Amino acid sequence: MGHTFPPRHLVTLSDRAGLRHPPALPELVYPDSPALSVMTSFDSVWPVTTTPDVPIAQALEAMKGAGVRLLLVRDPDSGIVGVVSAGDLMGERPVRIAEELRIPRSEIRVHQVMTPRDAVRVLDLRSVRDARVGHILATLDALGRQHVLVVESEEATGAQTIVGLFSRTHILRRMSRQPWESIPAASSLADMVHPEG
């Protein structure tokens, strides 16, 4: 038996009607601004993902369409298996792979150029909560990367959930001065950084 839903009572829009909106983010941030103010939180923004077997040209199109420069690589069976950046897709790695394997660039897949999970260095949310923007940029400098993921860890099991990321480009857009002048990382973050060597 179906329900009947009569329309609700309507009123006229007043000439004094205001507009509700989320709190505005500060337009400018500074080295001593809270790091969380520049973190892209996956509570409010969907992370953009791809799969290992996608051709790199298709992954690059996904990046362009979403306006991002980093994709999480997701395997349906084993969760996040790595990350791939615009630099990975457009840099020397695809050229080298094409030459070594003697294949056209169109046959190169994401898993061949991505950074695998066991080589991805991340920040723990507990260390980020009291960090400043300067700490994050110094950490990115030490990593030699444009992005760093943030995870929340369960103390009991050690399980990690990726909750957000920091992007150098996003941070610099929000800063009052460019280019960035490095500020040394705080020891709580520096201890977590393992520069790629």
Protein backbone atom coordinates (compact mmCIF):
# COMPACT_ATOMS: atom_id res chain seq x y z
CA MET A 1 0.00 0.00 0.00
CA GLY A 2 1.55 3.29 -1.15
CA HIS A 3 1.81 6.42 0.94
CA THR A 4 0.44 9.79 -0.12
CA PHE A 5 2.80 12.72 0.32
CA PRO A 6 1.07 16.10 0.02
CA PRO A 7 3.31 19.07 -0.81
CA ARG A 8 4.60 21.16 2.10
CA HIS A 9 3.52 24.73 2.79
CA LEU A 10 5.62 27.29 0.87
CA VAL A 11 6.53 30.86 1.80
CA THR A 12 7.89 33.75 -0.27
CA LEU A 13 11.62 34.51 -0.24
CA SER A 14 12.08 37.67 1.80
CA ASP A 15 14.04 40.70 0.61
CA ARG A 16 16.07 40.29 3.83
CA ALA A 17 16.98 36.65 3.20
CA GLY A 18 20.57 35.84 4.07
CA LEU A 19 22.72 32.93 2.99
CA ARG A 20 24.03 30.18 5.24
CA HIS A 21 27.44 28.80 4.34
CA PRO A 22 30.29 26.91 5.97
CA PRO A 23 32.87 28.95 7.86
CA ALA A 24 35.22 30.58 5.37
CA LEU A 25 38.77 29.31 5.39
CA PRO A 26 41.40 31.97 5.97
CA GLU A 27 42.58 33.31 2.64
CA LEU A 28 46.19 33.46 3.73
CA VAL A 29 48.22 31.12 5.89
CA TYR A 30 51.65 31.62 7.39
CA PRO A 31 54.46 29.31 8.50
CA ASP A 32 53.14 29.38 12.07
CA SER A 33 49.49 28.71 11.07
CA PRO A 34 48.05 25.37 12.26
CA ALA A 35 48.93 22.56 9.86
CA LEU A 36 45.38 21.21 9.95
CA SER A 37 44.19 24.44 8.32
CA VAL A 38 45.88 23.36 5.06
CA MET A 39 45.25 19.61 5.21
CA THR A 40 42.87 18.19 2.62
CA SER A 41 40.60 16.08 4.83
CA PHE A 42 38.95 13.00 3.35
CA ASP A 43 36.06 13.64 5.74
CA SER A 44 34.97 16.43 3.40
CA VAL A 45 36.71 15.67 0.08
CA TRP A 46 36.60 12.32 -1.68
CA PRO A 47 40.10 11.02 -2.46
CA VAL A 48 40.66 10.37 -6.16
CA THR A 49 41.75 6.80 -6.86
CA THR A 50 42.83 4.61 -9.73
CA THR A 51 43.69 0.93 -10.11
CA PRO A 52 47.05 -0.72 -10.85
CA ASP A 53 46.20 -1.92 -14.35
CA VAL A 54 44.91 1.41 -15.70
CA PRO A 55 47.01 2.83 -18.59
CA ILE A 56 49.04 5.83 -17.46
CA ALA A 57 47.35 8.09 -20.05
CA GLN A 58 43.96 7.27 -18.51
CA ALA A 59 45.29 7.96 -15.00
CA LEU A 60 46.62 11.32 -16.18
CA GLU A 61 43.21 12.19 -17.63
CA ALA A 62 41.60 11.29 -14.29
CA MET A 63 44.00 13.69 -12.57
CA LYS A 64 43.23 16.49 -14.99
CA GLY A 65 39.49 15.91 -14.68
CA ALA A 66 39.63 16.03 -10.88
CA GLY A 67 42.15 18.89 -10.70
CA VAL A 68 44.61 16.87 -8.60
CA ARG A 69 48.22 15.79 -9.00
CA LEU A 70 48.16 12.62 -6.88
CA LEU A 71 46.04 9.47 -7.12
CA LEU A 72 45.73 6.73 -4.54
CA VAL A 73 46.15 3.34 -6.23
CA ARG A 74 43.51 0.95 -4.99
CA ASP A 75 43.35 -2.80 -5.50
CA PRO A 76 39.87 -4.26 -4.86
CA ASP A 77 41.41 -7.20 -2.98
CA SER A 78 44.13 -5.54 -0.92
CA GLY A 79 43.14 -1.90 -0.40
CA ILE A 80 45.60 0.90 -1.10
CA VAL A 81 48.66 -0.53 -2.86
CA GLY A 82 50.49 2.71 -3.66
CA VAL A 83 50.31 6.27 -4.93
CA VAL A 84 51.00 7.79 -8.32
CA SER A 85 51.78 11.45 -8.94
CA ALA A 86 51.69 13.62 -12.03
CA GLY A 87 55.49 13.55 -11.95
CA ASP A 88 55.45 9.75 -12.02
CA LEU A 89 53.16 9.77 -15.06
CA MET A 90 54.90 12.50 -17.04
CA GLY A 91 58.50 12.19 -15.90
CA GLU A 92 61.45 9.99 -16.86
CA ARG A 93 60.07 6.73 -15.48
CA PRO A 94 57.62 6.00 -18.32
CA VAL A 95 60.30 6.86 -20.90
CA ARG A 96 62.77 4.48 -19.25
CA ILE A 97 60.18 1.69 -18.99
CA ALA A 98 59.19 2.06 -22.64
CA GLU A 99 62.84 1.83 -23.69
CA GLU A 100 63.70 -1.09 -21.40
CA LEU A 101 60.65 -3.18 -22.28
CA ARG A 102 60.48 -1.97 -25.88
CA ILE A 103 56.81 -1.18 -25.63
CA PRO A 104 54.82 1.89 -26.63
CA ARG A 105 54.00 4.37 -23.91
CA SER A 106 50.30 3.54 -24.34
CA GLU A 107 50.94 0.05 -22.91
CA ILE A 108 52.50 1.28 -19.66
CA ARG A 109 50.25 0.72 -16.63
CA VAL A 110 49.99 2.56 -13.33
CA HIS A 111 51.59 -0.25 -11.31
CA GLN A 112 54.77 0.13 -13.37
CA VAL A 113 55.34 3.77 -12.39
CA MET A 114 53.61 4.16 -9.01
CA THR A 115 55.30 4.36 -5.63
CA PRO A 116 54.37 1.07 -3.92
CA ARG A 117 52.76 1.07 -0.48
CA ASP A 118 55.88 -0.11 1.35
CA ALA A 119 57.83 2.89 0.01
CA VAL A 120 55.17 5.50 0.85
CA ARG A 121 56.10 7.59 3.91
CA VAL A 122 53.16 9.12 5.79
CA LEU A 123 52.44 11.38 8.75
CA ASP A 124 50.42 10.21 11.72
CA LEU A 125 47.49 12.46 12.59
CA ARG A 126 48.62 12.61 16.22
CA SER A 127 51.84 14.33 15.17
CA VAL A 128 50.01 16.72 12.86
CA ARG A 129 47.48 18.06 15.38
CA ASP A 130 49.97 20.40 17.06
CA ALA A 131 52.13 20.99 13.97
CA ARG A 132 52.41 24.21 12.00
CA VAL A 133 52.44 24.84 8.26
CA GLY A 134 56.20 25.36 8.43
CA HIS A 135 56.67 21.85 9.81
CA ILE A 136 54.73 20.35 6.93
CA LEU A 137 56.66 22.21 4.24
CA ALA A 138 59.96 21.28 5.85
CA THR A 139 58.80 17.66 5.98
CA LEU A 140 57.89 17.75 2.27
CA ASP A 141 61.34 19.23 1.59
CA ALA A 142 62.98 16.36 3.49
CA LEU A 143 60.90 13.79 1.61
CA GLY A 144 61.60 15.41 -1.74
CA ARG A 145 57.88 15.07 -2.55
CA GLN A 146 54.97 17.33 -3.43
CA HIS A 147 52.46 15.44 -1.26
CA VAL A 148 52.36 13.54 2.00
CA LEU A 149 49.46 11.41 3.21
CA VAL A 150 48.11 11.58 6.76
CA VAL A 151 46.95 8.44 8.56
CA GLU A 152 45.08 7.79 11.78
CA SER A 153 46.41 4.75 13.60
CA GLU A 154 44.57 2.48 16.02
CA GLU A 155 46.76 1.97 19.05
CA ALA A 156 45.42 -1.50 19.82
CA THR A 157 45.77 -3.05 16.36
CA GLY A 158 48.14 -0.72 14.52
CA ALA A 159 45.60 -0.49 11.69
CA GLN A 160 45.85 2.72 9.68
CA THR A 161 43.17 4.78 7.95
CA ILE A 162 44.23 7.40 5.40
CA VAL A 163 42.39 10.54 6.53
CA GLY A 164 43.88 13.26 4.36
CA LEU A 165 46.91 14.69 2.65
CA PHE A 166 49.09 17.76 2.43
CA SER A 167 49.93 19.24 -0.97
CA ARG A 168 52.80 21.68 -1.41
CA THR A 169 50.94 23.43 -4.26
CA HIS A 170 47.81 23.86 -2.14
CA ILE A 171 49.83 25.21 0.79
CA LEU A 172 51.78 27.70 -1.33
CA ARG A 173 48.56 29.00 -2.88
CA ARG A 174 47.33 29.79 0.61
CA MET A 175 50.56 31.41 1.79
CA SER A 176 51.30 35.10 1.84
CA ARG A 177 54.74 34.77 0.28
CA GLN A 178 56.26 32.64 -2.44
CA PRO A 179 58.52 30.93 -3.08
CA TRP A 180 58.69 29.13 0.23
CA GLU A 181 61.75 29.57 2.41
CA SER A 182 62.36 26.37 4.31
CA ILE A 183 61.90 26.26 8.06
CA PRO A 184 63.46 23.34 9.97
CA ALA A 185 61.00 20.57 10.86
CA ALA A 186 60.03 20.03 14.48
CA SER A 187 61.58 16.95 16.02
CA SER A 188 58.20 15.25 16.40
CA LEU A 189 57.75 15.35 12.61
CA ALA A 190 61.39 15.02 11.66
CA ASP A 191 61.54 11.70 13.47
CA MET A 192 58.86 10.39 11.14
CA VAL A 193 60.57 11.45 7.92
CA HIS A 194 62.63 8.93 6.00
CA PRO A 195 64.13 10.79 3.03
CA GLU A 196 64.27 8.74 -0.14
CA GLY A 197 67.82 7.87 -0.90
